[in-house]
Amino acid sequence: MGAALKVSEKNVNQNQITEGVIWQQLLLFFFPILFGTFFQQLYNTVDAIVVGRFVGKEALAAVGGPTGVIINLLVGFFVGLASGATVIISQYYGAKKPEMVGYAVHTAIAFSILCGGAITVIGFFGAPIALRGMGTPADVVEHAILYMRIYFIGTIFNLIYNIGSGILRAVGDSKRPLYFLIASCMTNIVLDLCFVVGLKMGVAGVALATILSQAVSTVLVLLVLTHTKDMHRVSFSQIKLDQRMLKRIIRIGLPAGLQSVMYSSSNVIIQSSVNSLGTDTVAAWTAYGKIDAMFWMIVNAFGISITTFVGQNFGAEKLDRVKKGIRICLAMAMGATICMSAFLYRFGLYIFEIFTTDAAVLDIGLEILHFLVPTFFTYVVVEIYSGALRGIGDSWIPMFLTMIGVCALRVVWLLTVVPFHKTIRMIVFSYPLTWVVTSIFFLIYLHIYSRLGKKKRFHGIRLRR
């Protein structure tokens, strides 16, 4: 045990996140996360391509639009909660507290297993009710129910992988989660072709391929966590809920979980509005979502990077480094977003044609893309500042700002304006509108915060047990 702790402390002492050149460390952390997210999105995209090309636009609409919203609502809540564990682990790791890292890691794993079981039951039995409640088109709903029920059977794999990769990123290892996702993605592609093209299983084949590929990444991440020599090592015999640690994880993660639910809830209303415009629009919105994912991959990777960077440096009490890191990360994220927006605006049509050749679907999809892509930059401030605030343990303020600026305003727009002007452009205008307002909220909050010179404390997190 003593030798293991010495190894752990040696690894922490060499931790470049708290010592190296800031922009280099952010990029070294960013790229593996970006590529990992790319491969995570790739197997979802492959699902859409395979069913869109080999099954039909009804199946394409089923595996992306309404199903994606409901899945994100349930799974996103847990991922938000789990972010509390990532923050706590990164802070304790930066502060060189191996015992506390151990408590947090094993509690997080146990929590993911319990939540996975609960989401499986809720999703399996609640899918038909939710889909019909959203007004999913009749020619789509049966495909969607089948897809969701199979998908939710494998939820535990999804959640364990998410928490496992979060643990690795919290201690500065963003490369191995990437390798696991590559293996998972390759598995998914092969199984998609076997089940859908070869065995003609339709959306059931896509769903089955997805959960089996997630099982592969889960096994890989557990193998790494159980064989590491560092302080975040997992021992199956120690996987249990530590009540005090669970409270801390929830205290930090609950606002992020609620924020995810609010985002998803507003997206349910958006999806319902899109559903009312017919199958062509639902299919176009689904395909656009796969293209739109390229932007979210980039901005979310920067958000995760700054959360871990801030968490470890805050734990190491390097506050000047925290401030510089936030400014540098914001500039890099803004530059990357502008470049991505220009690329998507110019070449969006060719990407759409990968999913479908239906002329009506393509026309609607391009209208959505050309309207939304130029507004992506308005969201960057929200992602980077909220990620930085989570890194220091401040999750409640970002939640309230997002709740008001994004979710509440978006719902008001959809319920008061859209019914009188029900077009796809009027529906999607709710995105840039709420991004701009929420960005202003964050800028005002950070300005007031800096003017007051307020010292941030750990919100319920103590570096000693």
Protein backbone atom coordinates (compact mmCIF):
# COMPACT_ATOMS: atom_id res chain seq x y z
CA MET A 1 0.00 0.00 0.00
CA GLY A 2 2.81 2.39 0.93
CA ALA A 3 4.59 1.71 -2.36
CA ALA A 4 1.40 2.38 -4.28
CA LEU A 5 0.94 5.71 -2.52
CA LYS A 6 4.51 6.69 -3.33
CA VAL A 7 3.88 5.92 -6.98
CA SER A 8 0.66 7.93 -6.82
CA GLU A 9 2.38 10.94 -5.29
CA LYS A 10 5.15 10.74 -7.84
CA ASN A 11 2.61 10.78 -10.66
CA VAL A 12 0.84 13.78 -9.14
CA ASN A 13 4.10 15.66 -8.66
CA GLN A 14 4.78 15.23 -12.37
CA ASN A 15 1.26 16.37 -13.30
CA GLN A 16 1.68 18.83 -16.16
CA ILE A 17 -1.86 20.19 -15.85
CA THR A 18 -0.73 22.15 -12.79
CA GLU A 19 2.78 22.87 -14.06
CA GLY A 20 3.08 22.98 -17.87
CA VAL A 21 2.47 25.70 -20.46
CA ILE A 22 -1.24 26.48 -20.22
CA TRP A 23 -2.25 26.52 -23.90
CA GLN A 24 -0.26 23.40 -24.59
CA GLN A 25 -1.80 21.51 -21.68
CA LEU A 26 -5.29 22.57 -22.72
CA LEU A 27 -4.70 21.37 -26.26
CA LEU A 28 -3.05 18.14 -25.13
CA PHE A 29 -6.15 17.48 -23.07
CA PHE A 30 -8.56 18.86 -25.67
CA PHE A 31 -7.62 16.75 -28.70
CA PRO A 32 -8.08 13.30 -27.13
CA ILE A 33 -11.46 14.45 -25.78
CA LEU A 34 -12.40 15.86 -29.18
CA PHE A 35 -11.43 12.71 -31.03
CA GLY A 36 -13.12 10.61 -28.36
CA THR A 37 -16.33 12.60 -28.75
CA PHE A 38 -15.95 12.30 -32.52
CA PHE A 39 -15.91 8.53 -32.35
CA GLN A 40 -18.78 8.57 -29.84
CA GLN A 41 -20.79 10.62 -32.31
CA LEU A 42 -19.54 8.57 -35.24
CA TYR A 43 -21.28 5.39 -34.21
CA ASN A 44 -24.52 7.35 -33.70
CA THR A 45 -23.99 8.89 -37.12
CA VAL A 46 -23.29 5.50 -38.69
CA ASP A 47 -26.60 4.31 -37.21
CA ALA A 48 -28.37 7.17 -38.99
CA ILE A 49 -26.54 6.60 -42.28
CA VAL A 50 -27.22 2.86 -42.32
CA VAL A 51 -30.94 3.13 -41.56
CA GLY A 52 -31.37 6.20 -43.76
CA ARG A 53 -29.83 4.42 -46.73
CA PHE A 54 -30.96 0.83 -46.19
CA VAL A 55 -34.26 1.11 -44.29
CA GLY A 56 -35.87 4.48 -45.09
CA LYS A 57 -36.53 8.01 -43.91
CA GLU A 58 -39.04 6.79 -41.30
CA ALA A 59 -36.30 4.74 -39.66
CA LEU A 60 -33.89 7.69 -39.97
CA ALA A 61 -36.38 9.89 -38.16
CA ALA A 62 -36.87 7.20 -35.48
CA VAL A 63 -33.22 6.70 -34.47
CA GLY A 64 -32.33 10.35 -34.13
CA GLY A 65 -35.09 12.89 -33.56
CA PRO A 66 -37.62 12.01 -30.84
CA THR A 67 -35.59 9.07 -29.49
CA GLY A 68 -32.46 11.16 -29.12
CA VAL A 69 -34.30 13.81 -27.13
CA ILE A 70 -35.75 11.30 -24.66
CA ILE A 71 -32.47 9.41 -24.27
CA ASN A 72 -30.62 12.66 -23.59
CA LEU A 73 -33.24 13.61 -21.03
CA LEU A 74 -32.68 10.47 -18.94
CA VAL A 75 -29.01 9.69 -19.56
CA GLY A 76 -28.03 13.37 -19.55
CA PHE A 77 -29.32 13.77 -16.01
CA PHE A 78 -26.98 11.05 -14.77
CA VAL A 79 -24.03 12.39 -16.77
CA GLY A 80 -24.65 15.76 -15.12
CA LEU A 81 -24.71 14.17 -11.69
CA ALA A 82 -21.54 12.25 -12.51
CA SER A 83 -19.77 15.50 -13.36
CA GLY A 84 -19.77 16.16 -9.63
CA ALA A 85 -17.55 13.11 -9.18
CA THR A 86 -15.21 14.30 -11.92
CA VAL A 87 -14.81 17.70 -10.25
CA ILE A 88 -14.23 16.20 -6.81
CA ILE A 89 -11.74 13.62 -8.06
CA SER A 90 -9.77 16.23 -10.03
CA GLN A 91 -9.59 18.52 -6.99
CA TYR A 92 -8.50 15.77 -4.59
CA TYR A 93 -6.04 14.49 -7.17
CA GLY A 94 -4.55 17.96 -7.59
CA ALA A 95 -4.35 18.29 -3.80
CA LYS A 96 -2.64 14.85 -3.51
CA LYS A 97 -5.30 13.17 -1.36
CA PRO A 98 -5.24 9.49 -2.42
CA GLU A 99 -7.64 8.25 0.26
CA MET A 100 -10.29 10.78 -0.76
CA VAL A 101 -9.79 9.98 -4.45
CA GLY A 102 -10.44 6.32 -3.60
CA TYR A 103 -13.68 7.09 -1.76
CA ALA A 104 -14.91 9.26 -4.67
CA VAL A 105 -14.01 6.73 -7.37
CA HIS A 106 -15.73 3.73 -5.76
CA THR A 107 -18.81 5.75 -4.80
CA ALA A 108 -19.10 7.04 -8.38
CA ILE A 109 -18.93 3.52 -9.84
CA ALA A 110 -21.58 2.22 -7.43
CA PHE A 111 -23.79 5.19 -8.17
CA SER A 112 -23.55 4.56 -11.93
CA ILE A 113 -24.69 0.96 -11.50
CA LEU A 114 -27.73 1.95 -9.43
CA CYS A 115 -28.71 4.76 -11.79
CA GLY A 116 -28.23 2.51 -14.82
CA GLY A 117 -30.74 0.02 -13.46
CA ALA A 118 -33.25 2.75 -12.70
CA ILE A 119 -32.97 4.37 -16.13
CA THR A 120 -33.36 1.00 -17.83
CA VAL A 121 -36.72 0.43 -16.15
CA ILE A 122 -37.96 3.98 -16.69
CA GLY A 123 -36.86 4.09 -20.31
CA PHE A 124 -38.16 0.66 -21.29
CA PHE A 125 -41.67 1.19 -19.96
CA GLY A 126 -41.92 4.94 -20.46
CA ALA A 127 -40.77 5.12 -24.09
CA PRO A 128 -44.20 4.60 -25.75
CA ILE A 129 -45.86 7.17 -23.47
CA ALA A 130 -43.17 9.79 -24.09
CA LEU A 131 -43.03 9.28 -27.85
CA ARG A 132 -46.79 9.48 -28.34
CA GLY A 133 -46.97 12.44 -25.96
CA MET A 134 -44.51 14.29 -28.20
CA GLY A 135 -46.76 13.76 -31.21
CA THR A 136 -44.28 11.54 -33.04
CA PRO A 137 -45.59 10.82 -36.58
CA ALA A 138 -47.51 7.54 -36.86
CA ASP A 139 -45.14 6.10 -39.47
CA VAL A 140 -42.18 6.73 -37.13
CA VAL A 141 -43.47 5.88 -33.66
CA GLU A 142 -43.31 2.07 -33.82
CA HIS A 143 -39.74 2.15 -35.12
CA ALA A 144 -38.83 4.58 -32.34
CA ILE A 145 -40.38 2.48 -29.56
CA LEU A 146 -38.51 -0.63 -30.67
CA TYR A 147 -35.22 1.26 -30.92
CA MET A 148 -35.56 2.89 -27.50
CA ARG A 149 -36.53 -0.27 -25.65
CA ILE A 150 -33.51 -2.16 -26.90
CA TYR A 151 -31.24 0.85 -26.30
CA PHE A 152 -32.33 1.26 -22.67
CA ILE A 153 -31.57 -2.39 -21.91
CA GLY A 154 -27.89 -1.49 -22.27
CA THR A 155 -27.99 1.71 -20.20
CA ILE A 156 -25.75 0.33 -17.44
CA PHE A 157 -22.92 -0.14 -19.95
CA ASN A 158 -23.33 3.45 -21.09
CA LEU A 159 -23.27 4.89 -17.58
CA ILE A 160 -20.33 2.85 -16.30
CA TYR A 161 -18.29 3.85 -19.33
CA ASN A 162 -19.20 7.53 -18.85
CA ILE A 163 -18.19 7.57 -15.20
CA GLY A 164 -15.07 5.50 -15.89
CA SER A 165 -13.86 7.80 -18.66
CA GLY A 166 -14.74 10.78 -16.43
CA ILE A 167 -12.48 9.37 -13.70
CA LEU A 168 -9.61 9.00 -16.17
CA ARG A 169 -10.05 12.54 -17.47
CA ALA A 170 -10.23 13.88 -13.92
CA VAL A 171 -6.70 12.61 -13.26
CA GLY A 172 -5.43 13.95 -16.58
CA ASP A 173 -5.73 10.82 -18.76
CA SER A 174 -7.76 11.79 -21.80
CA LYS A 175 -6.04 9.42 -24.25
CA ARG A 176 -7.28 6.01 -23.14
CA PRO A 177 -10.97 6.96 -23.22
CA LEU A 178 -10.27 7.87 -26.85
CA TYR A 179 -8.82 4.44 -27.58
CA PHE A 180 -11.83 2.77 -25.98
CA LEU A 181 -14.24 4.79 -28.10
CA ILE A 182 -12.34 3.93 -31.26
CA ALA A 183 -12.69 0.23 -30.42
CA SER A 184 -16.38 0.74 -29.62
CA CYS A 185 -17.00 2.66 -32.82
CA MET A 186 -15.34 0.05 -35.01
CA THR A 187 -17.40 -2.64 -33.29
CA ASN A 188 -20.58 -0.67 -33.89
CA ILE A 189 -19.87 -0.15 -37.59
CA VAL A 190 -19.24 -3.84 -38.16
CA LEU A 191 -22.33 -4.86 -36.21
CA ASP A 192 -24.51 -2.26 -37.97
CA LEU A 193 -23.57 -3.72 -41.32
CA CYS A 194 -24.09 -7.28 -40.10
CA PHE A 195 -27.44 -6.70 -38.38
CA VAL A 196 -29.03 -4.15 -40.73
CA VAL A 197 -27.55 -4.77 -44.16
CA GLY A 198 -26.85 -8.49 -43.74
CA LEU A 199 -29.59 -9.77 -41.44
CA LYS A 200 -32.22 -7.09 -42.35
CA MET A 201 -33.02 -6.38 -38.68
CA GLY A 202 -33.86 -2.69 -39.28
CA VAL A 203 -33.83 -0.33 -36.30
CA ALA A 204 -33.60 -3.29 -33.91
CA GLY A 205 -30.24 -4.17 -35.44
CA VAL A 206 -28.98 -0.61 -35.00
CA ALA A 207 -30.02 -0.55 -31.33
CA LEU A 208 -28.48 -3.95 -30.63
CA ALA A 209 -25.22 -2.92 -32.31
CA THR A 210 -25.12 0.21 -30.15
CA ILE A 211 -25.47 -1.53 -26.78
CA LEU A 212 -22.99 -4.28 -27.69
CA SER A 213 -20.40 -1.69 -28.75
CA GLN A 214 -20.98 0.22 -25.50
CA ALA A 215 -20.35 -3.01 -23.61
CA VAL A 216 -16.94 -3.24 -25.30
CA SER A 217 -15.91 0.25 -24.14
CA THR A 218 -17.19 -0.50 -20.63
CA VAL A 219 -15.05 -3.62 -20.30
CA LEU A 220 -11.98 -1.73 -21.55
CA VAL A 221 -12.35 1.19 -19.14
CA LEU A 222 -12.86 -1.16 -16.19
CA LEU A 223 -9.75 -3.12 -17.13
CA VAL A 224 -7.68 0.07 -17.01
CA LEU A 225 -9.19 1.30 -13.75
CA THR A 226 -8.66 -2.03 -12.00
CA HIS A 227 -5.03 -2.38 -13.12
CA THR A 228 -3.67 1.15 -12.64
CA LYS A 229 -1.05 1.76 -9.95
CA ASP A 230 -2.25 5.30 -9.32
CA MET A 231 -4.57 6.49 -6.55
CA HIS A 232 -7.72 6.19 -8.70
CA ARG A 233 -7.46 2.39 -8.90
CA VAL A 234 -10.77 0.51 -8.69
CA SER A 235 -11.18 -2.58 -6.53
CA PHE A 236 -14.46 -4.44 -7.09
CA SER A 237 -14.63 -5.35 -3.40
CA GLN A 238 -14.63 -1.66 -2.45
CA ILE A 239 -17.39 -0.54 -4.83
CA LYS A 240 -20.03 0.82 -2.50
CA LEU A 241 -21.76 4.07 -1.68
CA ASP A 242 -19.95 6.24 0.84
CA GLN A 243 -22.76 8.46 2.11
CA ARG A 244 -20.65 11.53 2.81
CA MET A 245 -18.90 11.31 -0.55
CA LEU A 246 -22.19 10.69 -2.35
CA LYS A 247 -23.63 13.84 -0.80
CA ARG A 248 -20.65 15.83 -2.04
CA ILE A 249 -20.92 14.36 -5.53
CA ILE A 250 -24.63 15.16 -5.70
CA ARG A 251 -24.11 18.63 -4.23
CA ILE A 252 -21.77 19.48 -7.09
CA GLY A 253 -23.37 17.35 -9.80
CA LEU A 254 -27.07 17.94 -9.14
CA PRO A 255 -27.12 21.42 -10.68
CA ALA A 256 -25.43 20.07 -13.82
CA GLY A 257 -27.92 17.19 -13.89
CA LEU A 258 -30.87 19.54 -13.51
CA GLN A 259 -29.38 21.80 -16.14
CA SER A 260 -29.20 18.86 -18.53
CA VAL A 261 -32.82 17.98 -17.76
CA MET A 262 -33.90 21.55 -18.43
CA TYR A 263 -32.03 21.59 -21.72
CA SER A 264 -33.57 18.27 -22.70
CA SER A 265 -37.05 19.33 -21.56
CA SER A 266 -36.92 22.42 -23.75
CA ASN A 267 -35.65 20.21 -26.57
CA VAL A 268 -38.68 17.94 -26.06
CA ILE A 269 -40.90 20.95 -26.76
CA ILE A 270 -38.78 21.82 -29.80
CA GLN A 271 -38.99 18.24 -31.03
CA SER A 272 -42.76 18.28 -30.55
CA SER A 273 -42.96 21.43 -32.67
CA VAL A 274 -40.76 19.83 -35.32
CA ASN A 275 -42.88 16.64 -35.25
CA SER A 276 -45.97 18.66 -36.08
CA LEU A 277 -44.37 19.70 -39.39
CA GLY A 278 -44.26 16.12 -40.72
CA THR A 279 -41.87 13.25 -41.40
CA ASP A 280 -39.72 15.16 -43.91
CA THR A 281 -38.97 17.84 -41.34
CA VAL A 282 -38.30 15.28 -38.60
CA ALA A 283 -35.86 13.45 -40.89
CA ALA A 284 -34.16 16.73 -41.85
CA TRP A 285 -33.86 17.73 -38.18
CA THR A 286 -32.37 14.33 -37.38
CA ALA A 287 -29.78 14.61 -40.14
CA TYR A 288 -28.98 18.19 -39.15
CA GLY A 289 -28.43 16.98 -35.59
CA LYS A 290 -25.63 14.71 -36.80
CA ILE A 291 -23.97 17.62 -38.64
CA ASP A 292 -24.58 19.98 -35.74
CA ALA A 293 -22.79 17.43 -33.54
CA MET A 294 -19.45 18.47 -35.07
CA PHE A 295 -19.76 21.87 -33.41
CA TRP A 296 -20.87 20.39 -30.10
CA MET A 297 -17.93 17.99 -30.17
CA ILE A 298 -15.53 20.91 -30.31
CA VAL A 299 -17.15 23.20 -27.77
CA ASN A 300 -17.90 20.39 -25.30
CA ALA A 301 -14.29 19.17 -25.52
CA PHE A 302 -13.12 22.65 -24.57
CA GLY A 303 -15.69 22.72 -21.76
CA ILE A 304 -14.50 19.40 -20.32
CA SER A 305 -10.86 20.48 -20.70
CA ILE A 306 -11.34 23.70 -18.76
CA THR A 307 -13.32 21.94 -16.02
CA THR A 308 -10.50 19.49 -15.34
CA PHE A 309 -7.80 22.16 -15.76
CA VAL A 310 -9.54 24.51 -13.33
CA GLY A 311 -10.37 21.69 -10.91
CA GLN A 312 -6.79 20.47 -10.56
CA ASN A 313 -5.25 23.94 -10.40
CA PHE A 314 -7.88 25.11 -7.92
CA GLY A 315 -7.13 22.06 -5.79
CA ALA A 316 -3.44 22.94 -6.00
CA GLU A 317 -4.31 26.57 -5.02
CA LYS A 318 -2.91 28.07 -8.23
CA LEU A 319 -5.57 30.72 -8.78
CA ASP A 320 -3.58 32.89 -11.23
CA ARG A 321 -3.16 29.84 -13.42
CA VAL A 322 -6.92 29.23 -13.20
CA LYS A 323 -7.70 32.75 -14.49
CA LYS A 324 -5.19 32.56 -17.34
CA GLY A 325 -6.46 29.14 -18.34
CA ILE A 326 -10.04 30.40 -18.64
CA ARG A 327 -9.04 33.30 -20.89
CA ILE A 328 -6.87 31.13 -23.13
CA CYS A 329 -9.49 28.40 -23.41
CA LEU A 330 -12.19 30.93 -24.34
CA ALA A 331 -10.05 32.37 -27.13
CA MET A 332 -9.21 28.93 -28.53
CA ALA A 333 -12.83 27.77 -28.39
CA MET A 334 -14.06 30.90 -30.15
CA GLY A 335 -11.49 30.56 -32.93
CA ALA A 336 -12.29 26.88 -33.47
CA THR A 337 -16.03 27.62 -33.55
CA ILE A 338 -15.71 30.30 -36.21
CA CYS A 339 -13.64 27.96 -38.42
CA MET A 340 -16.10 25.11 -37.97
CA SER A 341 -19.08 27.36 -38.75
CA ALA A 342 -17.49 28.50 -42.01
CA PHE A 343 -16.77 24.90 -43.01
CA LEU A 344 -20.30 23.66 -42.27
CA TYR A 345 -21.95 26.60 -44.02
CA ARG A 346 -19.94 25.96 -47.19
CA PHE A 347 -20.00 22.16 -47.32
CA GLY A 348 -23.20 21.30 -45.42
CA LEU A 349 -25.05 20.05 -48.50
CA TYR A 350 -22.49 17.35 -49.20
CA ILE A 351 -22.67 16.15 -45.61
CA PHE A 352 -26.49 16.02 -45.74
CA GLU A 353 -26.33 13.85 -48.86
CA ILE A 354 -24.50 11.19 -46.86
CA PHE A 355 -27.70 10.61 -44.87
CA THR A 356 -30.39 10.95 -47.52
CA THR A 357 -30.99 11.89 -51.14
CA ASP A 358 -34.64 12.83 -50.60
CA ALA A 359 -35.03 16.31 -52.16
CA ALA A 360 -37.64 17.56 -49.69
CA VAL A 361 -35.56 16.49 -46.70
CA LEU A 362 -32.43 18.12 -48.15
CA ASP A 363 -34.19 21.45 -48.75
CA ILE A 364 -35.48 21.62 -45.18
CA GLY A 365 -32.13 20.51 -43.75
CA LEU A 366 -30.19 23.19 -45.60
CA GLU A 367 -32.62 25.86 -44.46
CA ILE A 368 -31.97 24.84 -40.85
CA LEU A 369 -28.21 24.64 -41.33
CA HIS A 370 -27.77 27.98 -43.10
CA PHE A 371 -29.81 29.72 -40.44
CA LEU A 372 -28.18 28.23 -37.33
CA VAL A 373 -24.52 27.68 -38.23
CA PRO A 374 -23.56 31.40 -38.34
CA THR A 375 -24.88 31.79 -34.77
CA PHE A 376 -22.77 29.04 -33.14
CA PHE A 377 -20.22 31.52 -31.75
CA THR A 378 -22.88 33.00 -29.46
CA TYR A 379 -22.85 29.84 -27.31
CA VAL A 380 -19.09 29.61 -26.61
CA VAL A 381 -19.10 31.87 -23.55
CA VAL A 382 -21.80 29.75 -21.91
CA GLU A 383 -19.85 26.49 -22.31
CA ILE A 384 -16.42 27.77 -21.22
CA TYR A 385 -17.57 29.85 -18.25
CA SER A 386 -19.95 27.22 -16.94
CA GLY A 387 -17.22 24.58 -17.28
CA ALA A 388 -14.75 26.78 -15.38
CA LEU A 389 -17.25 27.47 -12.62
CA ARG A 390 -17.94 23.75 -12.22
CA GLY A 391 -14.20 23.21 -11.91
CA ILE A 392 -14.07 25.34 -8.75
CA GLY A 393 -17.19 23.70 -7.35
CA ASP A 394 -19.69 26.38 -8.33
CA SER A 395 -22.49 24.52 -10.11
CA TRP A 396 -25.59 26.28 -8.83
CA ILE A 397 -25.06 29.69 -10.42
CA PRO A 398 -24.46 28.21 -13.90
CA MET A 399 -27.62 26.17 -13.45
CA PHE A 400 -29.76 29.18 -12.55
CA LEU A 401 -28.32 31.30 -15.36
CA THR A 402 -28.95 28.51 -17.86
CA MET A 403 -32.40 27.77 -16.46
CA ILE A 404 -33.50 31.35 -17.01
CA GLY A 405 -31.53 32.31 -20.10
CA VAL A 406 -31.83 29.11 -22.12
CA CYS A 407 -34.61 26.89 -20.85
CA ALA A 408 -37.26 29.29 -19.57
CA LEU A 409 -36.85 31.78 -22.40
CA ARG A 410 -36.82 28.98 -25.00
CA VAL A 411 -40.06 27.51 -23.64
CA VAL A 412 -41.70 30.94 -23.57
CA TRP A 413 -40.71 31.50 -27.20
CA LEU A 414 -41.99 28.10 -28.30
CA LEU A 415 -45.31 28.44 -26.47
CA THR A 416 -46.10 32.08 -27.23
CA VAL A 417 -44.56 32.93 -30.61
CA VAL A 418 -44.16 29.68 -32.57
CA PRO A 419 -47.89 28.70 -32.52
CA PHE A 420 -48.64 31.83 -34.55
CA HIS A 421 -45.71 31.41 -36.96
CA LYS A 422 -45.17 27.65 -37.17
CA THR A 423 -42.18 27.34 -39.49
CA ILE A 424 -38.92 25.50 -38.96
CA ARG A 425 -36.98 28.77 -39.02
CA MET A 426 -39.13 30.29 -36.30
CA ILE A 427 -38.69 27.14 -34.17
CA VAL A 428 -34.90 27.04 -34.43
CA PHE A 429 -34.58 30.78 -33.81
CA SER A 430 -35.05 29.84 -30.16
CA TYR A 431 -31.43 28.60 -30.13
CA PRO A 432 -29.45 31.76 -30.97
CA LEU A 433 -31.94 33.89 -29.05
CA THR A 434 -31.35 32.00 -25.82
CA TRP A 435 -27.59 31.57 -26.37
CA VAL A 436 -27.11 35.34 -26.66
CA VAL A 437 -29.18 36.09 -23.56
CA THR A 438 -27.43 33.42 -21.47
CA SER A 439 -23.98 34.57 -22.60
CA ILE A 440 -24.84 38.07 -21.40
CA PHE A 441 -25.92 36.63 -18.04
CA PHE A 442 -22.58 34.82 -17.64
CA LEU A 443 -20.56 37.89 -18.61
CA ILE A 444 -22.45 40.01 -16.06
CA TYR A 445 -21.99 37.39 -13.34
CA LEU A 446 -18.25 37.06 -13.96
CA HIS A 447 -17.87 40.86 -14.06
CA ILE A 448 -19.65 41.30 -10.73
CA TYR A 449 -17.71 38.39 -9.27
CA SER A 450 -14.35 39.88 -10.25
CA ARG A 451 -15.29 43.41 -9.16
CA LEU A 452 -16.26 42.22 -5.71
CA GLY A 453 -12.96 40.35 -5.40
CA LYS A 454 -14.85 37.51 -3.78
CA LYS A 455 -12.75 34.48 -2.81
CA LYS A 456 -14.32 31.29 -3.95
CA ARG A 457 -14.58 28.45 -1.48
CA PHE A 458 -15.26 24.80 -2.06
CA HIS A 459 -19.03 24.43 -2.14
CA GLY A 460 -19.36 21.66 0.37
CA ILE A 461 -16.05 20.07 -0.65
CA ARG A 462 -13.34 19.68 1.92
CA LEU A 463 -9.82 18.54 1.18
CA ARG A 464 -9.83 16.64 4.44
CA ARG A 465 -12.34 13.97 5.31
